[in-house]
């Protein structure tokens, strides 16, 4: 007879000594990122924060893998997140946020499997995220997925990306993400 291990909990994740996400009740270690991933994450977070603060857009930009609770068995972390004003008002000072961000940005790492990236994007959208950007530092593209739209848009360095209805007024050349 085989016994199934007990599912990990949010409390287990909070006590976990390293970087991890809670995925379907399992603690999954997050490996450190490399140079390109870290640089692109910083650039995107900086561009968004500069825009939000400089244009008095109500909201907040978070980096550093902030945790968002999808349900009791799932706490996921985007590379960059934008919270709108209502979400900021509900964000706890400590612990994970009990909602999904308005905008989640996933920067693809060399070790990421596209099936897992796509599953995470579907999860963000299913849990209330209104827009997801999948940023690929290897081929310098950004895939924009908007809740309720039929298909994603793929942008190259020659294109301009904008915040749509989620971050109104934000607009930069995709090439700036990889400068």
Protein backbone atom coordinates (compact mmCIF):
# COMPACT_ATOMS: atom_id res chain seq x y z
CA UNK A 1 0.00 0.00 0.00
CA UNK A 2 1.31 3.44 -0.93
CA UNK A 3 0.61 6.44 1.23
CA UNK A 4 0.41 9.87 -0.26
CA UNK A 5 2.43 12.64 1.36
CA UNK A 6 0.45 15.37 3.06
CA UNK A 7 -0.07 18.50 1.01
CA UNK A 8 2.03 21.49 1.94
CA UNK A 9 0.20 24.56 3.20
CA UNK A 10 0.61 28.31 2.97
CA UNK A 11 2.01 28.19 6.52
CA UNK A 12 4.63 25.68 5.32
CA UNK A 13 5.59 28.06 2.51
CA UNK A 14 5.86 30.97 4.96
CA UNK A 15 8.31 28.90 7.06
CA UNK A 16 10.28 27.61 4.07
CA UNK A 17 13.91 28.76 4.29
CA UNK A 18 14.48 29.33 0.56
CA UNK A 19 12.69 30.73 -2.47
CA UNK A 20 9.72 28.56 -3.40
CA UNK A 21 6.17 28.61 -4.70
CA UNK A 22 3.27 26.48 -3.50
CA UNK A 23 1.93 24.65 -6.55
CA UNK A 24 -0.95 22.20 -6.13
CA UNK A 25 0.04 21.65 -2.51
CA UNK A 26 3.71 21.03 -3.25
CA UNK A 27 6.59 23.32 -2.33
CA UNK A 28 8.56 23.90 -5.53
CA UNK A 29 12.03 25.41 -5.16
CA UNK A 30 12.78 28.45 -7.31
CA UNK A 31 16.34 28.48 -8.56
CA UNK A 32 18.34 31.71 -8.63
CA UNK A 33 18.08 33.70 -11.83
CA UNK A 34 20.89 34.57 -14.20
CA UNK A 35 22.24 37.85 -15.49
CA UNK A 36 19.82 38.44 -18.40
CA UNK A 37 16.74 37.52 -16.33
CA UNK A 38 17.74 39.75 -13.42
CA UNK A 39 18.64 42.69 -15.66
CA UNK A 40 15.41 42.51 -17.69
CA UNK A 41 13.33 42.18 -14.51
CA UNK A 42 14.99 45.26 -13.02
CA UNK A 43 14.56 47.29 -16.23
CA UNK A 44 10.86 46.46 -16.55
CA UNK A 45 10.18 47.10 -12.87
CA UNK A 46 12.06 50.42 -13.07
CA UNK A 47 10.25 51.56 -16.22
CA UNK A 48 6.85 50.75 -14.72
CA UNK A 49 7.60 52.30 -11.32
CA UNK A 50 9.01 55.46 -12.90
CA UNK A 51 5.84 55.80 -14.97
CA UNK A 52 3.46 55.05 -12.08
CA UNK A 53 5.15 57.51 -9.71
CA UNK A 54 5.87 60.15 -12.36
CA UNK A 55 2.29 60.23 -13.65
CA UNK A 56 0.58 59.86 -10.27
CA UNK A 57 -1.02 56.60 -11.37
CA UNK A 58 -2.68 55.05 -8.33
CA UNK A 59 -1.00 51.74 -7.76
CA UNK A 60 2.28 50.07 -6.92
CA UNK A 61 4.94 48.07 -8.74
CA UNK A 62 6.48 45.06 -6.99
CA UNK A 63 9.55 42.98 -7.87
CA UNK A 64 11.43 40.21 -6.09
CA UNK A 65 8.90 37.42 -6.58
CA UNK A 66 6.02 38.73 -4.45
CA UNK A 67 3.64 35.95 -3.40
CA UNK A 68 -0.03 35.93 -4.39
CA UNK A 69 -2.50 33.41 -2.96
CA UNK A 70 -4.63 31.73 -5.62
CA UNK A 71 -6.16 29.26 -3.17
CA UNK A 72 -5.10 27.11 -0.21
CA UNK A 73 -2.84 24.96 -2.40
CA UNK A 74 -1.33 27.61 -4.66
CA UNK A 75 0.81 30.66 -3.94
CA UNK A 76 2.50 31.95 -7.09
CA UNK A 77 5.05 34.68 -7.67
CA UNK A 78 5.54 36.77 -10.82
CA UNK A 79 8.84 38.46 -11.57
CA UNK A 80 7.15 41.88 -11.66
CA UNK A 81 3.63 42.82 -10.56
CA UNK A 82 1.50 45.93 -10.81
CA UNK A 83 -1.21 46.40 -8.18
CA UNK A 84 -3.98 48.89 -8.83
CA UNK A 85 -5.11 51.29 -6.10
CA UNK A 86 -7.82 48.98 -4.78
CA UNK A 87 -5.35 46.10 -4.50
CA UNK A 88 -2.78 48.28 -2.74
CA UNK A 89 -5.42 49.15 -0.15
CA UNK A 90 -5.93 45.41 0.54
CA UNK A 91 -2.27 44.36 0.49
CA UNK A 92 -1.04 43.15 3.87
CA UNK A 93 2.21 44.56 5.23
CA UNK A 94 3.35 41.01 5.97
CA UNK A 95 2.62 37.77 4.23
CA UNK A 96 1.27 36.98 0.81
CA UNK A 97 -1.38 38.97 -1.02
CA UNK A 98 -4.82 37.32 -0.98
CA UNK A 99 -5.50 38.25 -4.62
CA UNK A 100 -3.77 38.26 -8.00
CA UNK A 101 -2.11 41.41 -9.38
CA UNK A 102 -3.72 43.52 -12.08
CA UNK A 103 -0.61 42.93 -14.23
CA UNK A 104 1.73 39.96 -13.85
CA UNK A 105 5.02 39.91 -15.72
CA UNK A 106 6.85 36.63 -16.22
CA UNK A 107 10.44 36.83 -17.44
CA UNK A 108 11.38 33.51 -19.01
CA UNK A 109 14.52 31.83 -17.66
CA UNK A 110 16.63 29.42 -19.71
CA UNK A 111 15.44 26.49 -17.57
CA UNK A 112 11.73 27.33 -17.83
CA UNK A 113 9.51 24.92 -19.75
CA UNK A 114 7.00 26.66 -21.99
CA UNK A 115 4.22 24.32 -20.87
CA UNK A 116 4.76 25.49 -17.29
CA UNK A 117 4.96 29.15 -18.31
CA UNK A 118 1.68 28.86 -20.24
CA UNK A 119 0.03 27.03 -17.32
CA UNK A 120 1.10 29.82 -14.96
CA UNK A 121 -0.31 32.45 -17.33
CA UNK A 122 -3.63 30.59 -17.47
CA UNK A 123 -3.57 30.49 -13.66
CA UNK A 124 -2.98 34.24 -13.38
CA UNK A 125 -5.93 34.93 -15.68
CA UNK A 126 -8.18 32.39 -13.92
CA UNK A 127 -7.46 34.10 -10.59
CA UNK A 128 -8.23 37.66 -11.63
CA UNK A 129 -5.09 39.05 -13.28
CA UNK A 130 -6.23 41.29 -16.15
CA UNK A 131 -3.01 41.27 -18.19
CA UNK A 132 0.13 39.11 -18.35
CA UNK A 133 3.36 39.88 -20.17
CA UNK A 134 5.64 36.94 -20.99
CA UNK A 135 9.07 38.44 -21.58
CA UNK A 136 11.67 36.32 -23.36
CA UNK A 137 15.21 37.69 -22.96
CA UNK A 138 16.60 35.11 -25.42
CA UNK A 139 14.62 36.18 -28.48
CA UNK A 140 13.77 39.71 -27.27
CA UNK A 141 10.01 39.29 -27.54
CA UNK A 142 7.06 39.99 -25.29
CA UNK A 143 3.80 38.10 -25.48
CA UNK A 144 0.86 40.14 -24.19
CA UNK A 145 -2.10 38.17 -22.87
CA UNK A 146 -5.22 40.11 -21.91
CA UNK A 147 -8.07 38.60 -19.93
CA UNK A 148 -11.05 37.94 -22.17
CA UNK A 149 -9.21 38.17 -25.49
CA UNK A 150 -9.02 35.26 -27.89
CA UNK A 151 -5.30 35.16 -28.53
CA UNK A 152 -2.08 36.75 -27.28
CA UNK A 153 -0.13 39.39 -29.20
CA UNK A 154 3.57 38.83 -29.79
CA UNK A 155 5.69 41.95 -29.84
CA UNK A 156 9.26 42.35 -31.05
CA UNK A 157 11.86 45.03 -30.32
CA UNK A 158 10.43 47.06 -33.22
CA UNK A 159 7.04 47.28 -31.46
CA UNK A 160 5.63 49.45 -28.69
CA UNK A 161 4.08 47.84 -25.61
CA UNK A 162 1.43 49.62 -23.58
CA UNK A 163 -0.40 49.09 -20.34
CA UNK A 164 -3.84 49.06 -21.95
CA UNK A 165 -6.68 49.56 -19.51
CA UNK A 166 -4.58 48.07 -16.69
CA UNK A 167 -1.82 50.72 -16.60
CA UNK A 168 -3.34 53.52 -18.71
CA UNK A 169 -0.82 55.75 -20.43
CA UNK A 170 2.18 53.46 -20.02
CA UNK A 171 3.93 52.95 -23.35
CA UNK A 172 7.54 52.09 -24.29
CA UNK A 173 9.45 50.44 -27.10
CA UNK A 174 9.89 46.74 -26.37
CA UNK A 175 13.60 47.27 -27.14
CA UNK A 176 13.88 49.26 -23.88
CA UNK A 177 13.21 46.04 -21.92
CA UNK A 178 16.42 44.57 -23.35
CA UNK A 179 18.64 47.69 -23.45
